[in-house]
Amino acid sequence: MKTKFINVLLISLGSLLFNASALAHGDETPQHGGVVKVEHEMIFELVRRDSGTSLYLRDHGKPYPTEKLTGNVTVLAAGKKLDAALVPSGENKMTADVVIPDGAKVLVKVKEDGHHSVTVRYSF
């Protein structure tokens, strides 16, 4: 009986430790209807629209300011390659004038002065 209790206790503690590390970057649930990826301890949410593309950034669950960021989106679809600049568009949002079709592979590259760039890959 004592061994069973210890096993249950160890499993419970292990679950708590796993959950804490899984949420270390913040909630990875999409907040804008897009696809979320985590890179370099930041959350990148790419949102496809009929009129263009938006990228939202969060750091440890909080909006990450984009006014000092530069970036681009590369879309590979139907044997073609399209590139578009990402421009700051509000608190933690960047936008690009490119439409991402179904079946596309997408590379998002974001850079902040004084830091190395971060590349995030998406598939639709």
N, C-alpha and C. Protein backbone atom coordinates (compact mmCIF):
# COMPACT_ATOMS: atom_id res chain seq x y z
N MET A 1 0.82 -1.19 0.00
CA MET A 1 0.00 0.00 0.00
C MET A 1 0.87 1.26 0.00
N LYS A 2 1.94 1.25 0.81
CA LYS A 2 2.83 2.40 0.89
C LYS A 2 3.53 2.63 -0.45
N THR A 3 3.94 1.55 -1.12
CA THR A 3 4.61 1.65 -2.42
C THR A 3 3.66 2.24 -3.46
N LYS A 4 2.41 1.83 -3.44
CA LYS A 4 1.43 2.34 -4.39
C LYS A 4 1.23 3.85 -4.19
N PHE A 5 1.16 4.28 -2.94
CA PHE A 5 1.00 5.70 -2.63
C PHE A 5 2.20 6.50 -3.14
N ILE A 6 3.39 5.99 -2.93
CA ILE A 6 4.61 6.67 -3.38
C ILE A 6 4.63 6.77 -4.91
N ASN A 7 4.23 5.71 -5.60
CA ASN A 7 4.17 5.74 -7.06
C ASN A 7 3.19 6.80 -7.56
N VAL A 8 2.02 6.86 -6.94
CA VAL A 8 1.01 7.86 -7.33
C VAL A 8 1.55 9.26 -7.07
N LEU A 9 2.21 9.44 -5.95
CA LEU A 9 2.78 10.74 -5.61
C LEU A 9 3.85 11.15 -6.62
N LEU A 10 4.73 10.24 -6.98
CA LEU A 10 5.79 10.54 -7.95
C LEU A 10 5.22 10.87 -9.32
N ILE A 11 4.21 10.14 -9.74
CA ILE A 11 3.56 10.40 -11.04
C ILE A 11 2.90 11.77 -11.02
N SER A 12 2.24 12.10 -9.92
CA SER A 12 1.58 13.41 -9.80
C SER A 12 2.59 14.54 -9.85
N LEU A 13 3.69 14.41 -9.12
CA LEU A 13 4.72 15.43 -9.13
C LEU A 13 5.36 15.57 -10.51
N GLY A 14 5.59 14.44 -11.17
CA GLY A 14 6.14 14.47 -12.53
C GLY A 14 5.22 15.19 -13.50
N SER A 15 3.92 14.98 -13.36
CA SER A 15 2.95 15.66 -14.22
C SER A 15 2.99 17.16 -14.00
N LEU A 16 3.09 17.59 -12.76
CA LEU A 16 3.17 19.01 -12.46
C LEU A 16 4.42 19.64 -13.07
N LEU A 17 5.54 18.96 -12.96
CA LEU A 17 6.78 19.48 -13.53
C LEU A 17 6.69 19.57 -15.04
N PHE A 18 6.11 18.58 -15.68
CA PHE A 18 5.96 18.59 -17.14
C PHE A 18 5.07 19.74 -17.58
N ASN A 19 3.95 19.93 -16.90
CA ASN A 19 3.04 21.01 -17.27
C ASN A 19 3.68 22.36 -17.09
N ALA A 20 4.47 22.54 -16.04
CA ALA A 20 5.12 23.82 -15.81
C ALA A 20 6.10 24.15 -16.93
N SER A 21 6.85 23.15 -17.39
CA SER A 21 7.81 23.42 -18.46
C SER A 21 7.10 23.62 -19.79
N ALA A 22 5.97 22.97 -20.00
CA ALA A 22 5.24 23.13 -21.25
C ALA A 22 4.66 24.54 -21.38
N LEU A 23 4.35 25.18 -20.26
CA LEU A 23 3.78 26.51 -20.29
C LEU A 23 4.80 27.60 -20.03
N ALA A 24 6.07 27.26 -20.05
CA ALA A 24 7.12 28.23 -19.72
C ALA A 24 7.13 29.42 -20.68
N HIS A 25 6.69 29.24 -21.91
CA HIS A 25 6.69 30.31 -22.90
C HIS A 25 5.37 31.07 -22.91
N GLY A 26 4.41 30.61 -22.15
CA GLY A 26 3.08 31.20 -22.15
C GLY A 26 2.11 30.30 -22.86
N ASP A 27 0.87 30.70 -22.88
CA ASP A 27 -0.20 29.93 -23.50
C ASP A 27 0.01 29.91 -25.01
N GLU A 28 0.09 28.73 -25.58
CA GLU A 28 0.34 28.58 -27.02
C GLU A 28 -0.95 28.48 -27.83
N THR A 29 -2.08 28.75 -27.21
CA THR A 29 -3.35 28.73 -27.91
C THR A 29 -3.42 29.93 -28.86
N PRO A 30 -3.82 29.71 -30.12
CA PRO A 30 -3.95 30.85 -31.05
C PRO A 30 -4.95 31.88 -30.50
N GLN A 31 -4.57 33.13 -30.53
CA GLN A 31 -5.45 34.20 -30.04
C GLN A 31 -6.10 34.98 -31.17
N HIS A 32 -5.66 34.72 -32.42
CA HIS A 32 -6.17 35.48 -33.56
C HIS A 32 -6.62 34.57 -34.70
N GLY A 33 -6.82 33.28 -34.40
CA GLY A 33 -7.28 32.34 -35.41
C GLY A 33 -6.20 31.83 -36.34
N GLY A 34 -4.95 31.98 -35.96
CA GLY A 34 -3.84 31.55 -36.81
C GLY A 34 -3.20 30.26 -36.36
N VAL A 35 -1.98 30.05 -36.84
CA VAL A 35 -1.18 28.87 -36.50
C VAL A 35 -0.02 29.34 -35.63
N VAL A 36 0.17 28.67 -34.49
CA VAL A 36 1.18 29.08 -33.52
C VAL A 36 2.41 28.18 -33.62
N LYS A 37 3.58 28.82 -33.57
CA LYS A 37 4.87 28.12 -33.49
C LYS A 37 5.68 28.80 -32.39
N VAL A 38 6.51 28.03 -31.70
CA VAL A 38 7.40 28.57 -30.68
C VAL A 38 8.82 28.44 -31.18
N GLU A 39 9.53 29.56 -31.21
CA GLU A 39 10.94 29.61 -31.60
C GLU A 39 11.66 30.59 -30.68
N HIS A 40 12.83 30.21 -30.23
CA HIS A 40 13.66 31.07 -29.38
C HIS A 40 12.86 31.65 -28.21
N GLU A 41 12.07 30.79 -27.60
CA GLU A 41 11.28 31.13 -26.41
C GLU A 41 10.23 32.21 -26.67
N MET A 42 9.85 32.40 -27.92
CA MET A 42 8.79 33.34 -28.27
C MET A 42 7.70 32.62 -29.04
N ILE A 43 6.50 33.17 -28.96
CA ILE A 43 5.35 32.59 -29.66
C ILE A 43 5.07 33.44 -30.90
N PHE A 44 5.01 32.77 -32.06
CA PHE A 44 4.73 33.41 -33.34
C PHE A 44 3.41 32.85 -33.85
N GLU A 45 2.42 33.71 -34.05
CA GLU A 45 1.13 33.28 -34.58
C GLU A 45 0.93 33.90 -35.96
N LEU A 46 0.90 33.05 -36.98
CA LEU A 46 0.72 33.49 -38.36
C LEU A 46 -0.74 33.34 -38.74
N VAL A 47 -1.33 34.43 -39.22
CA VAL A 47 -2.75 34.45 -39.57
C VAL A 47 -2.90 34.74 -41.06
N ARG A 48 -3.59 33.82 -41.76
CA ARG A 48 -3.86 34.01 -43.19
C ARG A 48 -5.21 34.69 -43.36
N ARG A 49 -5.25 35.68 -44.26
CA ARG A 49 -6.49 36.37 -44.59
C ARG A 49 -6.59 36.45 -46.12
N ASP A 50 -7.78 36.74 -46.60
CA ASP A 50 -7.97 36.90 -48.04
C ASP A 50 -7.23 38.11 -48.58
N SER A 51 -6.94 39.07 -47.71
CA SER A 51 -6.32 40.32 -48.15
C SER A 51 -4.85 40.43 -47.76
N GLY A 52 -4.30 39.44 -47.06
CA GLY A 52 -2.90 39.51 -46.65
C GLY A 52 -2.61 38.60 -45.48
N THR A 53 -1.49 38.84 -44.86
CA THR A 53 -1.01 37.98 -43.78
C THR A 53 -0.64 38.83 -42.57
N SER A 54 -0.93 38.31 -41.38
CA SER A 54 -0.56 38.99 -40.15
C SER A 54 0.27 38.05 -39.29
N LEU A 55 1.19 38.62 -38.55
CA LEU A 55 2.02 37.87 -37.61
C LEU A 55 1.92 38.56 -36.25
N TYR A 56 1.58 37.78 -35.23
CA TYR A 56 1.49 38.28 -33.87
C TYR A 56 2.59 37.63 -33.04
N LEU A 57 3.27 38.43 -32.21
CA LEU A 57 4.36 37.92 -31.39
C LEU A 57 4.03 38.07 -29.91
N ARG A 58 4.37 37.02 -29.15
CA ARG A 58 4.22 37.05 -27.70
C ARG A 58 5.49 36.50 -27.07
N ASP A 59 5.83 37.06 -25.93
CA ASP A 59 6.98 36.60 -25.17
C ASP A 59 6.49 36.29 -23.76
N HIS A 60 6.57 35.03 -23.37
CA HIS A 60 6.07 34.57 -22.07
C HIS A 60 4.62 34.98 -21.85
N GLY A 61 3.82 34.88 -22.91
CA GLY A 61 2.40 35.15 -22.83
C GLY A 61 2.00 36.61 -22.97
N LYS A 62 2.98 37.51 -23.04
CA LYS A 62 2.67 38.93 -23.15
C LYS A 62 2.98 39.43 -24.56
N PRO A 63 2.19 40.37 -25.07
CA PRO A 63 2.46 40.93 -26.41
C PRO A 63 3.88 41.47 -26.49
N TYR A 64 4.56 41.14 -27.58
CA TYR A 64 5.93 41.62 -27.79
C TYR A 64 5.88 42.78 -28.78
N PRO A 65 6.38 43.96 -28.41
CA PRO A 65 6.30 45.12 -29.30
C PRO A 65 7.07 44.91 -30.61
N THR A 66 6.46 45.35 -31.70
CA THR A 66 7.05 45.10 -33.02
C THR A 66 7.61 46.35 -33.69
N GLU A 67 7.50 47.52 -33.06
CA GLU A 67 7.90 48.75 -33.75
C GLU A 67 9.36 48.78 -34.17
N LYS A 68 10.23 48.01 -33.50
CA LYS A 68 11.66 48.00 -33.85
C LYS A 68 12.06 46.74 -34.63
N LEU A 69 11.08 45.99 -35.11
CA LEU A 69 11.36 44.75 -35.83
C LEU A 69 11.27 44.95 -37.34
N THR A 70 12.04 44.16 -38.05
CA THR A 70 11.91 44.05 -39.50
C THR A 70 11.71 42.58 -39.82
N GLY A 71 11.18 42.31 -40.99
CA GLY A 71 10.99 40.90 -41.33
C GLY A 71 10.48 40.72 -42.74
N ASN A 72 10.37 39.46 -43.10
CA ASN A 72 9.79 39.13 -44.40
C ASN A 72 9.11 37.77 -44.34
N VAL A 73 8.23 37.55 -45.31
CA VAL A 73 7.51 36.29 -45.46
C VAL A 73 7.85 35.75 -46.83
N THR A 74 8.25 34.48 -46.88
CA THR A 74 8.48 33.79 -48.15
C THR A 74 7.45 32.68 -48.27
N VAL A 75 6.69 32.71 -49.36
CA VAL A 75 5.64 31.72 -49.60
C VAL A 75 6.06 30.87 -50.80
N LEU A 76 6.12 29.56 -50.58
CA LEU A 76 6.42 28.60 -51.65
C LEU A 76 5.15 27.80 -51.93
N ALA A 77 4.57 28.02 -53.13
CA ALA A 77 3.32 27.34 -53.48
C ALA A 77 3.20 27.23 -54.99
N ALA A 78 2.69 26.10 -55.43
CA ALA A 78 2.43 25.86 -56.85
C ALA A 78 3.65 26.15 -57.72
N GLY A 79 4.83 25.79 -57.22
CA GLY A 79 6.06 25.98 -57.99
C GLY A 79 6.54 27.41 -58.06
N LYS A 80 5.92 28.31 -57.29
CA LYS A 80 6.32 29.72 -57.31
C LYS A 80 6.80 30.15 -55.93
N LYS A 81 7.62 31.18 -55.94
CA LYS A 81 8.14 31.75 -54.70
C LYS A 81 7.75 33.23 -54.64
N LEU A 82 7.07 33.60 -53.55
CA LEU A 82 6.67 34.99 -53.35
C LEU A 82 7.31 35.51 -52.08
N ASP A 83 7.87 36.71 -52.14
CA ASP A 83 8.46 37.36 -50.96
C ASP A 83 7.70 38.65 -50.68
N ALA A 84 7.49 38.92 -49.39
CA ALA A 84 6.84 40.16 -49.00
C ALA A 84 7.43 40.63 -47.68
N ALA A 85 7.55 41.94 -47.54
CA ALA A 85 8.07 42.52 -46.30
C ALA A 85 7.01 42.47 -45.21
N LEU A 86 7.46 42.19 -43.99
CA LEU A 86 6.61 42.31 -42.81
C LEU A 86 6.86 43.68 -42.21
N VAL A 87 5.79 44.43 -41.94
CA VAL A 87 5.95 45.76 -41.36
C VAL A 87 5.17 45.83 -40.05
N PRO A 88 5.71 46.55 -39.07
CA PRO A 88 5.00 46.71 -37.80
C PRO A 88 3.63 47.35 -38.04
N SER A 89 2.62 46.81 -37.36
CA SER A 89 1.25 47.28 -37.57
C SER A 89 0.48 47.35 -36.25
N GLY A 90 1.12 47.78 -35.21
CA GLY A 90 0.44 47.85 -33.92
C GLY A 90 1.24 47.18 -32.84
N GLU A 91 0.67 47.08 -31.68
CA GLU A 91 1.36 46.61 -30.48
C GLU A 91 2.27 45.40 -30.71
N ASN A 92 1.71 44.27 -31.08
CA ASN A 92 2.52 43.06 -31.29
C ASN A 92 2.23 42.42 -32.65
N LYS A 93 1.84 43.24 -33.60
CA LYS A 93 1.40 42.75 -34.90
C LYS A 93 2.30 43.28 -36.01
N MET A 94 2.55 42.40 -36.99
CA MET A 94 3.23 42.78 -38.23
C MET A 94 2.35 42.27 -39.37
N THR A 95 2.36 42.98 -40.49
CA THR A 95 1.55 42.56 -41.63
C THR A 95 2.39 42.50 -42.89
N ALA A 96 1.94 41.67 -43.83
CA ALA A 96 2.58 41.54 -45.13
C ALA A 96 1.50 41.48 -46.20
N ASP A 97 1.79 42.08 -47.33
CA ASP A 97 0.85 42.09 -48.44
C ASP A 97 1.07 40.86 -49.31
N VAL A 98 0.73 39.70 -48.75
CA VAL A 98 0.84 38.44 -49.47
C VAL A 98 -0.24 37.50 -48.96
N VAL A 99 -0.85 36.78 -49.89
CA VAL A 99 -1.89 35.80 -49.53
C VAL A 99 -1.25 34.42 -49.54
N ILE A 100 -1.52 33.65 -48.51
CA ILE A 100 -0.94 32.30 -48.38
C ILE A 100 -2.01 31.28 -48.76
N PRO A 101 -1.82 30.56 -49.88
CA PRO A 101 -2.82 29.57 -50.30
C PRO A 101 -2.67 28.25 -49.53
N ASP A 102 -3.70 27.43 -49.61
CA ASP A 102 -3.62 26.09 -49.04
C ASP A 102 -2.49 25.33 -49.72
N GLY A 103 -1.80 24.49 -48.96
CA GLY A 103 -0.71 23.69 -49.50
C GLY A 103 0.63 24.40 -49.53
N ALA A 104 0.67 25.64 -49.10
CA ALA A 104 1.91 26.42 -49.16
C ALA A 104 2.86 26.07 -48.01
N LYS A 105 4.13 26.26 -48.28
CA LYS A 105 5.18 26.24 -47.26
C LYS A 105 5.57 27.69 -47.06
N VAL A 106 5.72 28.10 -45.79
CA VAL A 106 5.96 29.51 -45.50
C VAL A 106 7.15 29.64 -44.55
N LEU A 107 8.02 30.58 -44.88
CA LEU A 107 9.14 30.94 -44.00
C LEU A 107 8.92 32.37 -43.55
N VAL A 108 8.94 32.58 -42.26
CA VAL A 108 8.83 33.91 -41.69
C VAL A 108 10.16 34.23 -41.03
N LYS A 109 10.73 35.37 -41.38
CA LYS A 109 12.01 35.78 -40.80
C LYS A 109 11.82 37.14 -40.14
N VAL A 110 12.18 37.22 -38.85
CA VAL A 110 12.02 38.45 -38.08
C VAL A 110 13.35 38.80 -37.44
N LYS A 111 13.68 40.11 -37.45
CA LYS A 111 14.94 40.55 -36.87
C LYS A 111 14.73 41.84 -36.09
N GLU A 112 15.44 41.91 -34.96
CA GLU A 112 15.47 43.13 -34.15
C GLU A 112 16.90 43.62 -34.13
N ASP A 113 17.08 44.93 -34.21
CA ASP A 113 18.44 45.50 -34.18
C ASP A 113 19.25 44.93 -33.02
N GLY A 114 20.48 44.55 -33.31
CA GLY A 114 21.36 44.03 -32.27
C GLY A 114 21.16 42.58 -31.93
N HIS A 115 20.21 41.91 -32.58
CA HIS A 115 19.94 40.50 -32.32
C HIS A 115 20.01 39.73 -33.64
N HIS A 116 20.21 38.43 -33.54
CA HIS A 116 20.19 37.61 -34.76
C HIS A 116 18.74 37.40 -35.19
N SER A 117 18.54 37.09 -36.45
CA SER A 117 17.19 36.88 -36.96
C SER A 117 16.66 35.53 -36.51
N VAL A 118 15.34 35.43 -36.48
CA VAL A 118 14.65 34.19 -36.13
C VAL A 118 13.83 33.78 -37.34
N THR A 119 13.96 32.52 -37.74
CA THR A 119 13.19 31.99 -38.86
C THR A 119 12.20 30.96 -38.33
N VAL A 120 10.94 31.11 -38.76
CA VAL A 120 9.88 30.20 -38.33
C VAL A 120 9.27 29.59 -39.58
N ARG A 121 9.07 28.26 -39.57
CA ARG A 121 8.53 27.54 -40.72
C ARG A 121 7.09 27.11 -40.46
N TYR A 122 6.25 27.28 -41.48
CA TYR A 122 4.85 26.87 -41.40
C TYR A 122 4.50 26.06 -42.63
N SER A 123 3.52 25.18 -42.50
CA SER A 123 2.96 24.43 -43.62
C SER A 123 1.45 24.53 -43.55
N PHE A 124 0.83 24.78 -44.71
CA PHE A 124 -0.63 24.89 -44.75
C PHE A 124 -1.23 23.90 -45.72
